[in-house]
Amino acid sequence: AYMTSVLVYDSLLYRLRWNGSLSCFDARTGETIYKETVHPSSFIASPVASDGKIYMVSEIGDLYIVKAGREYKLQKKLALGEVSLVTPAISEGMLILRTASRLIAVSEH
């Protein structure tokens, strides 16, 4: 089985499991805040965060953007069009994603 890395962002700990289950915990107390299914797909890449958003890429190449915080809110789903097995990178306001044959940079600007 694959294990993604946990993510600590704004005093919350996020755990994305391979089966698409996203759990959020208070990083100080360990209290469970929520547990939701992002999508019943396979996730190998670890989640990353920036600008109040959690970014997750499924193995089939869908990018999920969840609002960071104590309430689960899926903000957007984008299809990358092909398999992606790599954790995204964030640099200078850009989200950088790698698929089987492409390198993609996404920016809100």
PDB file of N, CA and C in Angstrom:
ATOM      1  N   ALA A   1       0.842  -1.186   0.000  1.00  0.00           N
ATOM      2  CA  ALA A   1       0.000   0.000   0.000  1.00  0.00           C
ATOM      3  C   ALA A   1       0.884   1.245   0.000  1.00  0.00           C
ATOM      4  N   TYR A   2       0.355   2.301  -0.577  1.00  0.00           N
ATOM      5  CA  TYR A   2       1.075   3.570  -0.626  1.00  0.00           C
ATOM      6  C   TYR A   2       0.669   4.433   0.559  1.00  0.00           C
ATOM      7  N   MET A   3       1.605   5.227   1.061  1.00  0.00           N
ATOM      8  CA  MET A   3       1.310   6.126   2.166  1.00  0.00           C
ATOM      9  C   MET A   3       1.778   7.523   1.799  1.00  0.00           C
ATOM     10  N   THR A   4       0.842   8.435   1.722  1.00  0.00           N
ATOM     11  CA  THR A   4       1.201   9.822   1.469  1.00  0.00           C
ATOM     12  C   THR A   4       1.721  10.437   2.760  1.00  0.00           C
ATOM     13  N   SER A   5       2.451  11.518   2.647  1.00  0.00           N
ATOM     14  CA  SER A   5       2.924  12.246   3.829  1.00  0.00           C
ATOM     15  C   SER A   5       1.782  13.074   4.398  1.00  0.00           C
ATOM     16  N   VAL A   6       1.784  13.248   5.715  1.00  0.00           N
ATOM     17  CA  VAL A   6       0.788  14.138   6.317  1.00  0.00           C
ATOM     18  C   VAL A   6       1.203  15.578   6.038  1.00  0.00           C
ATOM     19  N   LEU A   7       0.249  16.473   6.154  1.00  0.00           N
ATOM     20  CA  LEU A   7       0.473  17.888   5.895  1.00  0.00           C
ATOM     21  C   LEU A   7       0.023  18.676   7.117  1.00  0.00           C
ATOM     22  N   VAL A   8       0.879  19.526   7.644  1.00  0.00           N
ATOM     23  CA  VAL A   8       0.493  20.440   8.718  1.00  0.00           C
ATOM     24  C   VAL A   8       0.449  21.839   8.118  1.00  0.00           C
ATOM     25  N   TYR A   9      -0.716  22.486   8.267  1.00  0.00           N
ATOM     26  CA  TYR A   9      -0.928  23.806   7.683  1.00  0.00           C
ATOM     27  C   TYR A   9      -1.880  24.587   8.586  1.00  0.00           C
ATOM     28  N   ASP A  10      -1.474  25.757   9.010  1.00  0.00           N
ATOM     29  CA  ASP A  10      -2.284  26.615   9.887  1.00  0.00           C
ATOM     30  C   ASP A  10      -2.831  25.869  11.106  1.00  0.00           C
ATOM     31  N   SER A  11      -1.959  25.171  11.805  1.00  0.00           N
ATOM     32  CA  SER A  11      -2.284  24.455  13.051  1.00  0.00           C
ATOM     33  C   SER A  11      -3.223  23.267  12.866  1.00  0.00           C
ATOM     34  N   LEU A  12      -3.426  22.842  11.620  1.00  0.00           N
ATOM     35  CA  LEU A  12      -4.231  21.655  11.353  1.00  0.00           C
ATOM     36  C   LEU A  12      -3.371  20.620  10.649  1.00  0.00           C
ATOM     37  N   LEU A  13      -3.623  19.355  10.950  1.00  0.00           N
ATOM     38  CA  LEU A  13      -2.905  18.253  10.324  1.00  0.00           C
ATOM     39  C   LEU A  13      -3.875  17.552   9.382  1.00  0.00           C
ATOM     40  N   TYR A  14      -3.463  17.387   8.131  1.00  0.00           N
ATOM     41  CA  TYR A  14      -4.286  16.727   7.120  1.00  0.00           C
ATOM     42  C   TYR A  14      -3.641  15.401   6.750  1.00  0.00           C
ATOM     43  N   ARG A  15      -4.474  14.359   6.676  1.00  0.00           N
ATOM     44  CA  ARG A  15      -3.981  13.043   6.265  1.00  0.00           C
ATOM     45  C   ARG A  15      -4.841  12.571   5.095  1.00  0.00           C
ATOM     46  N   LEU A  16      -4.205  12.386   3.955  1.00  0.00           N
ATOM     47  CA  LEU A  16      -4.875  11.868   2.764  1.00  0.00           C
ATOM     48  C   LEU A  16      -4.480  10.414   2.612  1.00  0.00           C
ATOM     49  N   ARG A  17      -5.459   9.537   2.625  1.00  0.00           N
ATOM     50  CA  ARG A  17      -5.173   8.108   2.465  1.00  0.00           C
ATOM     51  C   ARG A  17      -5.265   7.734   0.994  1.00  0.00           C
ATOM     52  N   TRP A  18      -4.673   6.608   0.650  1.00  0.00           N
ATOM     53  CA  TRP A  18      -4.621   6.163  -0.745  1.00  0.00           C
ATOM     54  C   TRP A  18      -6.009   6.024  -1.360  1.00  0.00           C
ATOM     55  N   ASN A  19      -7.040   5.777  -0.527  1.00  0.00           N
ATOM     56  CA  ASN A  19      -8.393   5.548  -1.039  1.00  0.00           C
ATOM     57  C   ASN A  19      -9.220   6.828  -1.186  1.00  0.00           C
ATOM     58  N   GLY A  20      -8.595   8.001  -1.014  1.00  0.00           N
ATOM     59  CA  GLY A  20      -9.295   9.262  -1.196  1.00  0.00           C
ATOM     60  C   GLY A  20      -9.922   9.834   0.055  1.00  0.00           C
ATOM     61  N   SER A  21      -9.682   9.218   1.197  1.00  0.00           N
ATOM     62  CA  SER A  21     -10.210   9.711   2.467  1.00  0.00           C
ATOM     63  C   SER A  21      -9.285  10.804   3.008  1.00  0.00           C
ATOM     64  N   LEU A  22      -9.847  11.981   3.264  1.00  0.00           N
ATOM     65  CA  LEU A  22      -9.088  13.098   3.818  1.00  0.00           C
ATOM     66  C   LEU A  22      -9.556  13.344   5.246  1.00  0.00           C
ATOM     67  N   SER A  23      -8.636  13.264   6.187  1.00  0.00           N
ATOM     68  CA  SER A  23      -8.937  13.542   7.592  1.00  0.00           C
ATOM     69  C   SER A  23      -8.214  14.809   8.004  1.00  0.00           C
ATOM     70  N   CYS A  24      -8.868  15.582   8.859  1.00  0.00           N
ATOM     71  CA  CYS A  24      -8.293  16.813   9.386  1.00  0.00           C
ATOM     72  C   CYS A  24      -8.309  16.726  10.905  1.00  0.00           C
ATOM     73  N   PHE A  25      -7.170  17.050  11.523  1.00  0.00           N
ATOM     74  CA  PHE A  25      -7.020  16.985  12.973  1.00  0.00           C
ATOM     75  C   PHE A  25      -6.464  18.305  13.490  1.00  0.00           C
ATOM     76  N   ASP A  26      -6.783  18.631  14.725  1.00  0.00           N
ATOM     77  CA  ASP A  26      -6.128  19.741  15.397  1.00  0.00           C
ATOM     78  C   ASP A  26      -4.699  19.289  15.675  1.00  0.00           C
ATOM     79  N   ALA A  27      -3.715  20.005  15.173  1.00  0.00           N
ATOM     80  CA  ALA A  27      -2.313  19.577  15.285  1.00  0.00           C
ATOM     81  C   ALA A  27      -1.812  19.588  16.724  1.00  0.00           C
ATOM     82  N   ARG A  28      -2.404  20.388  17.579  1.00  0.00           N
ATOM     83  CA  ARG A  28      -1.957  20.448  18.980  1.00  0.00           C
ATOM     84  C   ARG A  28      -2.605  19.383  19.853  1.00  0.00           C
ATOM     85  N   THR A  29      -3.910  19.166  19.675  1.00  0.00           N
ATOM     86  CA  THR A  29      -4.639  18.267  20.575  1.00  0.00           C
ATOM     87  C   THR A  29      -4.881  16.882  19.992  1.00  0.00           C
ATOM     88  N   GLY A  30      -4.812  16.750  18.671  1.00  0.00           N
ATOM     89  CA  GLY A  30      -5.112  15.475  18.029  1.00  0.00           C
ATOM     90  C   GLY A  30      -6.599  15.261  17.793  1.00  0.00           C
ATOM     91  N   GLU A  31      -7.423  16.227  18.186  1.00  0.00           N
ATOM     92  CA  GLU A  31      -8.871  16.118  18.005  1.00  0.00           C
ATOM     93  C   GLU A  31      -9.205  15.989  16.519  1.00  0.00           C
ATOM     94  N   THR A  32     -10.095  15.045  16.185  1.00  0.00           N
ATOM     95  CA  THR A  32     -10.559  14.895  14.812  1.00  0.00           C
ATOM     96  C   THR A  32     -11.525  16.027  14.488  1.00  0.00           C
ATOM     97  N   ILE A  33     -11.237  16.757  13.429  1.00  0.00           N
ATOM     98  CA  ILE A  33     -12.089  17.858  12.983  1.00  0.00           C
ATOM     99  C   ILE A  33     -13.102  17.341  11.959  1.00  0.00           C
ATOM    100  N   TYR A  34     -12.616  16.612  10.957  1.00  0.00           N
ATOM    101  CA  TYR A  34     -13.511  15.979   9.986  1.00  0.00           C
ATOM    102  C   TYR A  34     -12.803  14.829   9.292  1.00  0.00           C
ATOM    103  N   LYS A  35     -13.614  13.992   8.660  1.00  0.00           N
ATOM    104  CA  LYS A  35     -13.123  12.922   7.795  1.00  0.00           C
ATOM    105  C   LYS A  35     -14.104  12.848   6.632  1.00  0.00           C
ATOM    106  N   GLU A  36     -13.596  13.096   5.429  1.00  0.00           N
ATOM    107  CA  GLU A  36     -14.432  13.123   4.229  1.00  0.00           C
ATOM    108  C   GLU A  36     -13.746  12.335   3.115  1.00  0.00           C
ATOM    109  N   THR A  37     -14.520  11.931   2.134  1.00  0.00           N
ATOM    110  CA  THR A  37     -13.959  11.292   0.950  1.00  0.00           C
ATOM    111  C   THR A  37     -13.855  12.337  -0.148  1.00  0.00           C
ATOM    112  N   VAL A  38     -12.618  12.640  -0.544  1.00  0.00           N
ATOM    113  CA  VAL A  38     -12.392  13.594  -1.633  1.00  0.00           C
ATOM    114  C   VAL A  38     -12.943  12.997  -2.916  1.00  0.00           C
ATOM    115  N   HIS A  39     -12.539  11.765  -3.195  1.00  0.00           N
ATOM    116  CA  HIS A  39     -13.015  10.998  -4.344  1.00  0.00           C
ATOM    117  C   HIS A  39     -12.579   9.557  -4.136  1.00  0.00           C
ATOM    118  N   PRO A  40     -13.437   8.595  -4.452  1.00  0.00           N
ATOM    119  CA  PRO A  40     -13.042   7.193  -4.258  1.00  0.00           C
ATOM    120  C   PRO A  40     -12.084   6.724  -5.353  1.00  0.00           C
ATOM    121  N   SER A  41     -10.941   7.333  -5.398  1.00  0.00           N
ATOM    122  CA  SER A  41      -9.912   7.043  -6.386  1.00  0.00           C
ATOM    123  C   SER A  41      -8.644   6.689  -5.634  1.00  0.00           C
ATOM    124  N   SER A  42      -7.597   6.425  -6.348  1.00  0.00           N
ATOM    125  CA  SER A  42      -6.318   6.107  -5.713  1.00  0.00           C
ATOM    126  C   SER A  42      -5.440   7.358  -5.674  1.00  0.00           C
ATOM    127  N   PHE A  43      -4.901   7.654  -4.486  1.00  0.00           N
ATOM    128  CA  PHE A  43      -4.015   8.799  -4.299  1.00  0.00           C
ATOM    129  C   PHE A  43      -2.655   8.300  -3.840  1.00  0.00           C
ATOM    130  N   ILE A  44      -1.621   8.617  -4.601  1.00  0.00           N
ATOM    131  CA  ILE A  44      -0.245   8.243  -4.266  1.00  0.00           C
ATOM    132  C   ILE A  44       0.541   9.487  -3.873  1.00  0.00           C
ATOM    133  N   ALA A  45       0.289  10.595  -4.552  1.00  0.00           N
ATOM    134  CA  ALA A  45       0.993  11.854  -4.286  1.00  0.00           C
ATOM    135  C   ALA A  45       0.514  12.457  -2.968  1.00  0.00           C
ATOM    136  N   SER A  46       1.419  13.087  -2.260  1.00  0.00           N
ATOM    137  CA  SER A  46       1.080  13.742  -0.994  1.00  0.00           C
ATOM    138  C   SER A  46       0.402  15.086  -1.250  1.00  0.00           C
ATOM    139  N   PRO A  47      -0.467  15.519  -0.336  1.00  0.00           N
ATOM    140  CA  PRO A  47      -1.096  16.827  -0.486  1.00  0.00           C
ATOM    141  C   PRO A  47      -0.109  17.953  -0.191  1.00  0.00           C
ATOM    142  N   VAL A  48      -0.360  19.112  -0.783  1.00  0.00           N
ATOM    143  CA  VAL A  48       0.430  20.320  -0.519  1.00  0.00           C
ATOM    144  C   VAL A  48      -0.551  21.464  -0.255  1.00  0.00           C
ATOM    145  N   ALA A  49      -0.057  22.545   0.348  1.00  0.00           N
ATOM    146  CA  ALA A  49      -0.943  23.661   0.681  1.00  0.00           C
ATOM    147  C   ALA A  49      -0.285  25.002   0.398  1.00  0.00           C
ATOM    148  N   SER A  50      -1.123  25.962   0.040  1.00  0.00           N
ATOM    149  CA  SER A  50      -0.686  27.339  -0.165  1.00  0.00           C
ATOM    150  C   SER A  50      -1.920  28.221  -0.257  1.00  0.00           C
ATOM    151  N   ASP A  51      -1.808  29.431   0.238  1.00  0.00           N
ATOM    152  CA  ASP A  51      -2.840  30.451   0.066  1.00  0.00           C
ATOM    153  C   ASP A  51      -4.231  29.975   0.505  1.00  0.00           C
ATOM    154  N   GLY A  52      -4.287  29.219   1.608  1.00  0.00           N
ATOM    155  CA  GLY A  52      -5.568  28.775   2.139  1.00  0.00           C
ATOM    156  C   GLY A  52      -6.212  27.618   1.413  1.00  0.00           C
ATOM    157  N   LYS A  53      -5.429  26.921   0.599  1.00  0.00           N
ATOM    158  CA  LYS A  53      -5.966  25.799  -0.170  1.00  0.00           C
ATOM    159  C   LYS A  53      -5.095  24.555   0.001  1.00  0.00           C
ATOM    160  N   ILE A  54      -5.745  23.388  -0.005  1.00  0.00           N
ATOM    161  CA  ILE A  54      -5.061  22.098   0.012  1.00  0.00           C
ATOM    162  C   ILE A  54      -5.201  21.516  -1.394  1.00  0.00           C
ATOM    163  N   TYR A  55      -4.083  21.110  -1.988  1.00  0.00           N
ATOM    164  CA  TYR A  55      -4.070  20.563  -3.347  1.00  0.00           C
ATOM    165  C   TYR A  55      -3.744  19.076  -3.289  1.00  0.00           C
ATOM    166  N   MET A  56      -4.565  18.262  -3.968  1.00  0.00           N
ATOM    167  CA  MET A  56      -4.365  16.814  -3.999  1.00  0.00           C
ATOM    168  C   MET A  56      -4.550  16.314  -5.426  1.00  0.00           C
ATOM    169  N   VAL A  57      -3.671  15.424  -5.862  1.00  0.00           N
ATOM    170  CA  VAL A  57      -3.750  14.880  -7.215  1.00  0.00           C
ATOM    171  C   VAL A  57      -3.977  13.379  -7.129  1.00  0.00           C
ATOM    172  N   SER A  58      -5.028  12.911  -7.793  1.00  0.00           N
ATOM    173  CA  SER A  58      -5.302  11.471  -7.811  1.00  0.00           C
ATOM    174  C   SER A  58      -4.420  10.791  -8.856  1.00  0.00           C
ATOM    175  N   GLU A  59      -4.290   9.499  -8.700  1.00  0.00           N
ATOM    176  CA  GLU A  59      -3.464   8.709  -9.617  1.00  0.00           C
ATOM    177  C   GLU A  59      -3.970   8.805 -11.058  1.00  0.00           C
ATOM    178  N   ILE A  60      -5.281   8.941 -11.231  1.00  0.00           N
ATOM    179  CA  ILE A  60      -5.825   9.023 -12.593  1.00  0.00           C
ATOM    180  C   ILE A  60      -5.668  10.414 -13.207  1.00  0.00           C
ATOM    181  N   GLY A  61      -5.153  11.370 -12.421  1.00  0.00           N
ATOM    182  CA  GLY A  61      -4.845  12.681 -12.968  1.00  0.00           C
ATOM    183  C   GLY A  61      -5.892  13.751 -12.746  1.00  0.00           C
ATOM    184  N   ASP A  62      -6.613  13.667 -11.645  1.00  0.00           N
ATOM    185  CA  ASP A  62      -7.549  14.731 -11.292  1.00  0.00           C
ATOM    186  C   ASP A  62      -6.966  15.537 -10.140  1.00  0.00           C
ATOM    187  N   LEU A  63      -7.013  16.858 -10.263  1.00  0.00           N
ATOM    188  CA  LEU A  63      -6.543  17.762  -9.220  1.00  0.00           C
ATOM    189  C   LEU A  63      -7.749  18.221  -8.409  1.00  0.00           C
ATOM    190  N   TYR A  64      -7.676  18.019  -7.099  1.00  0.00           N
ATOM    191  CA  TYR A  64      -8.741  18.439  -6.185  1.00  0.00           C
ATOM    192  C   TYR A  64      -8.212  19.575  -5.323  1.00  0.00           C
ATOM    193  N   ILE A  65      -9.008  20.627  -5.192  1.00  0.00           N
ATOM    194  CA  ILE A  65      -8.637  21.774  -4.371  1.00  0.00           C
ATOM    195  C   ILE A  65      -9.680  21.913  -3.269  1.00  0.00           C
ATOM    196  N   VAL A  66      -9.210  21.780  -2.024  1.00  0.00           N
ATOM    197  CA  VAL A  66     -10.079  21.859  -0.853  1.00  0.00           C
ATOM    198  C   VAL A  66      -9.679  23.090  -0.055  1.00  0.00           C
ATOM    199  N   LYS A  67     -10.663  23.823   0.430  1.00  0.00           N
ATOM    200  CA  LYS A  67     -10.382  24.981   1.271  1.00  0.00           C
ATOM    201  C   LYS A  67      -9.769  24.501   2.580  1.00  0.00           C
ATOM    202  N   ALA A  68      -8.637  25.089   2.961  1.00  0.00           N
ATOM    203  CA  ALA A  68      -8.005  24.746   4.233  1.00  0.00           C
ATOM    204  C   ALA A  68      -8.868  25.286   5.365  1.00  0.00           C
ATOM    205  N   GLY A  69      -8.959  24.529   6.437  1.00  0.00           N
ATOM    206  CA  GLY A  69      -9.720  24.993   7.590  1.00  0.00           C
ATOM    207  C   GLY A  69     -10.499  23.883   8.247  1.00  0.00           C
ATOM    208  N   ARG A  70     -11.290  24.243   9.217  1.00  0.00           N
ATOM    209  CA  ARG A  70     -12.000  23.287  10.057  1.00  0.00           C
ATOM    210  C   ARG A  70     -13.262  22.731   9.415  1.00  0.00           C
ATOM    211  N   GLU A  71     -13.657  23.266   8.279  1.00  0.00           N
ATOM    212  CA  GLU A  71     -14.834  22.766   7.577  1.00  0.00           C
ATOM    213  C   GLU A  71     -14.409  22.277   6.197  1.00  0.00           C
ATOM    214  N   TYR A  72     -14.829  21.060   5.836  1.00  0.00           N
ATOM    215  CA  TYR A  72     -14.472  20.503   4.534  1.00  0.00           C
ATOM    216  C   TYR A  72     -15.272  21.212   3.444  1.00  0.00           C
ATOM    217  N   LYS A  73     -14.554  21.734   2.457  1.00  0.00           N
ATOM    218  CA  LYS A  73     -15.220  22.339   1.308  1.00  0.00           C
ATOM    219  C   LYS A  73     -14.370  22.119   0.066  1.00  0.00           C
ATOM    220  N   LEU A  74     -14.871  21.266  -0.837  1.00  0.00           N
ATOM    221  CA  LEU A  74     -14.200  21.052  -2.116  1.00  0.00           C
ATOM    222  C   LEU A  74     -14.468  22.274  -2.979  1.00  0.00           C
ATOM    223  N   GLN A  75     -13.406  22.979  -3.358  1.00  0.00           N
ATOM    224  CA  GLN A  75     -13.568  24.199  -4.146  1.00  0.00           C
ATOM    225  C   GLN A  75     -13.556  23.942  -5.642  1.00  0.00           C
ATOM    226  N   LYS A  76     -12.757  22.969  -6.063  1.00  0.00           N
ATOM    227  CA  LYS A  76     -12.622  22.755  -7.499  1.00  0.00           C
ATOM    228  C   LYS A  76     -12.028  21.383  -7.787  1.00  0.00           C
ATOM    229  N   LYS A  77     -12.400  20.839  -8.943  1.00  0.00           N
ATOM    230  CA  LYS A  77     -11.790  19.616  -9.465  1.00  0.00           C
ATOM    231  C   LYS A  77     -11.395  19.906 -10.908  1.00  0.00           C
ATOM    232  N   LEU A  78     -10.139  19.609 -11.232  1.00  0.00           N
ATOM    233  CA  LEU A  78      -9.638  19.825 -12.589  1.00  0.00           C
ATOM    234  C   LEU A  78      -9.043  18.530 -13.121  1.00  0.00           C
ATOM    235  N   ALA A  79      -9.377  18.178 -14.342  1.00  0.00           N
ATOM    236  CA  ALA A  79      -8.823  16.982 -14.973  1.00  0.00           C
ATOM    237  C   ALA A  79      -7.521  17.339 -15.684  1.00  0.00           C
ATOM    238  N   LEU A  80      -6.451  16.631 -15.337  1.00  0.00           N
ATOM    239  CA  LEU A  80      -5.152  16.863 -15.981  1.00  0.00           C
ATOM    240  C   LEU A  80      -5.035  16.099 -17.292  1.00  0.00           C
ATOM    241  N   GLY A  81      -5.894  15.119 -17.500  1.00  0.00           N
ATOM    242  CA  GLY A  81      -5.926  14.410 -18.769  1.00  0.00           C
ATOM    243  C   GLY A  81      -5.080  13.163 -18.860  1.00  0.00           C
ATOM    244  N   GLU A  82      -4.279  12.895 -17.836  1.00  0.00           N
ATOM    245  CA  GLU A  82      -3.499  11.658 -17.836  1.00  0.00           C
ATOM    246  C   GLU A  82      -2.971  11.366 -16.433  1.00  0.00           C
ATOM    247  N   VAL A  83      -2.407  10.207 -16.279  1.00  0.00           N
ATOM    248  CA  VAL A  83      -1.921   9.725 -14.986  1.00  0.00           C
ATOM    249  C   VAL A  83      -0.922  10.698 -14.361  1.00  0.00           C
ATOM    250  N   SER A  84      -1.031  10.860 -13.038  1.00  0.00           N
ATOM    251  CA  SER A  84      -0.075  11.677 -12.286  1.00  0.00           C
ATOM    252  C   SER A  84       0.241  10.966 -10.978  1.00  0.00           C
ATOM    253  N   LEU A  85       1.501  10.659 -10.762  1.00  0.00           N
ATOM    254  CA  LEU A  85       1.925   9.913  -9.578  1.00  0.00           C
ATOM    255  C   LEU A  85       2.859  10.719  -8.688  1.00  0.00           C
ATOM    256  N   VAL A  86       2.994  12.009  -8.959  1.00  0.00           N
ATOM    257  CA  VAL A  86       4.005  12.834  -8.303  1.00  0.00           C
ATOM    258  C   VAL A  86       3.351  13.934  -7.459  1.00  0.00           C
ATOM    259  N   THR A  87       3.900  14.167  -6.271  1.00  0.00           N
ATOM    260  CA  THR A  87       3.437  15.247  -5.408  1.00  0.00           C
ATOM    261  C   THR A  87       3.670  16.588  -6.100  1.00  0.00           C
ATOM    262  N   PRO A  88       2.653  17.454  -6.144  1.00  0.00           N
ATOM    263  CA  PRO A  88       2.830  18.769  -6.762  1.00  0.00           C
ATOM    264  C   PRO A  88       3.862  19.608  -6.006  1.00  0.00           C
ATOM    265  N   ALA A  89       4.400  20.591  -6.695  1.00  0.00           N
ATOM    266  CA  ALA A  89       5.316  21.557  -6.079  1.00  0.00           C
ATOM    267  C   ALA A  89       4.664  22.932  -6.165  1.00  0.00           C
ATOM    268  N   ILE A  90       5.031  23.809  -5.239  1.00  0.00           N
ATOM    269  CA  ILE A  90       4.523  25.179  -5.249  1.00  0.00           C
ATOM    270  C   ILE A  90       5.718  26.117  -5.248  1.00  0.00           C
ATOM    271  N   SER A  91       5.716  27.065  -6.202  1.00  0.00           N
ATOM    272  CA  SER A  91       6.812  28.020  -6.297  1.00  0.00           C
ATOM    273  C   SER A  91       6.300  29.335  -6.862  1.00  0.00           C
ATOM    274  N   GLU A  92       6.580  30.425  -6.161  1.00  0.00           N
ATOM    275  CA  GLU A  92       6.253  31.774  -6.622  1.00  0.00           C
ATOM    276  C   GLU A  92       4.815  31.899  -7.119  1.00  0.00           C
ATOM    277  N   GLY A  93       3.879  31.356  -6.338  1.00  0.00           N
ATOM    278  CA  GLY A  93       2.469  31.471  -6.674  1.00  0.00           C
ATOM    279  C   GLY A  93       1.973  30.506  -7.727  1.00  0.00           C
ATOM    280  N   MET A  94       2.830  29.607  -8.178  1.00  0.00           N
ATOM    281  CA  MET A  94       2.424  28.624  -9.178  1.00  0.00           C
ATOM    282  C   MET A  94       2.383  27.231  -8.575  1.00  0.00           C
ATOM    283  N   LEU A  95       1.394  26.457  -8.995  1.00  0.00           N
ATOM    284  CA  LEU A  95       1.307  25.046  -8.659  1.00  0.00           C
ATOM    285  C   LEU A  95       1.889  24.290  -9.847  1.00  0.00           C
ATOM    286  N   ILE A  96       2.890  23.469  -9.593  1.00  0.00           N
ATOM    287  CA  ILE A  96       3.571  22.748 -10.667  1.00  0.00           C
ATOM    288  C   ILE A  96       3.238  21.271 -10.533  1.00  0.00           C
ATOM    289  N   LEU A  97       2.702  20.707 -11.618  1.00  0.00           N
ATOM    290  CA  LEU A  97       2.248  19.319 -11.632  1.00  0.00           C
ATOM    291  C   LEU A  97       2.949  18.559 -12.744  1.00  0.00           C
ATOM    292  N   ARG A  98       3.212  17.285 -12.499  1.00  0.00           N
ATOM    293  CA  ARG A  98       3.802  16.440 -13.535  1.00  0.00           C
ATOM    294  C   ARG A  98       2.863  15.282 -13.807  1.00  0.00           C
ATOM    295  N   THR A  99       2.602  15.053 -15.070  1.00  0.00           N
ATOM    296  CA  THR A  99       1.813  13.897 -15.485  1.00  0.00           C
ATOM    297  C   THR A  99       2.757  12.934 -16.196  1.00  0.00           C
ATOM    298  N   ALA A 100       2.187  11.913 -16.796  1.00  0.00           N
ATOM    299  CA  ALA A 100       3.015  10.913 -17.477  1.00  0.00           C
ATOM    300  C   ALA A 100       3.855  11.527 -18.597  1.00  0.00           C
ATOM    301  N   SER A 101       3.354  12.581 -19.254  1.00  0.00           N
ATOM    302  CA  SER A 101       4.102  13.142 -20.384  1.00  0.00           C
ATOM    303  C   SER A 101       4.237  14.665 -20.371  1.00  0.00           C
ATOM    304  N   ARG A 102       3.693  15.337 -19.351  1.00  0.00           N
ATOM    305  CA  ARG A 102       3.721  16.798 -19.362  1.00  0.00           C
ATOM    306  C   ARG A 102       4.105  17.369 -18.002  1.00  0.00           C
ATOM    307  N   LEU A 103       4.633  18.577 -18.041  1.00  0.00           N
ATOM    308  CA  LEU A 103       4.864  19.385 -16.852  1.00  0.00           C
ATOM    309  C   LEU A 103       3.906  20.566 -16.976  1.00  0.00           C
ATOM    310  N   ILE A 104       3.070  20.779 -15.953  1.00  0.00           N
ATOM    311  CA  ILE A 104       2.015  21.784 -16.019  1.00  0.00           C
ATOM    312  C   ILE A 104       2.223  22.793 -14.896  1.00  0.00           C
ATOM    313  N   ALA A 105       2.163  24.079 -15.221  1.00  0.00           N
ATOM    314  CA  ALA A 105       2.232  25.139 -14.217  1.00  0.00           C
ATOM    315  C   ALA A 105       0.889  25.864 -14.215  1.00  0.00           C
ATOM    316  N   VAL A 106       0.282  25.966 -13.035  1.00  0.00           N
ATOM    317  CA  VAL A 106      -1.026  26.598 -12.891  1.00  0.00           C
ATOM    318  C   VAL A 106      -0.874  27.810 -11.985  1.00  0.00           C
ATOM    319  N   SER A 107      -1.438  28.938 -12.424  1.00  0.00           N
ATOM    320  CA  SER A 107      -1.397  30.160 -11.630  1.00  0.00           C
ATOM    321  C   SER A 107      -2.753  30.845 -11.712  1.00  0.00           C
ATOM    322  N   GLU A 108      -3.125  31.542 -10.652  1.00  0.00           N
ATOM    323  CA  GLU A 108      -4.384  32.284 -10.679  1.00  0.00           C
ATOM    324  C   GLU A 108      -4.219  33.622 -11.380  1.00  0.00           C
ATOM    325  N   HIS A 109      -3.004  33.978 -11.739  1.00  0.00           N
ATOM    326  CA  HIS A 109      -2.748  35.285 -12.361  1.00  0.00           C
ATOM    327  C   HIS A 109      -2.642  35.160 -13.858  1.00  0.00           C
TER     328      HIS A 109
END
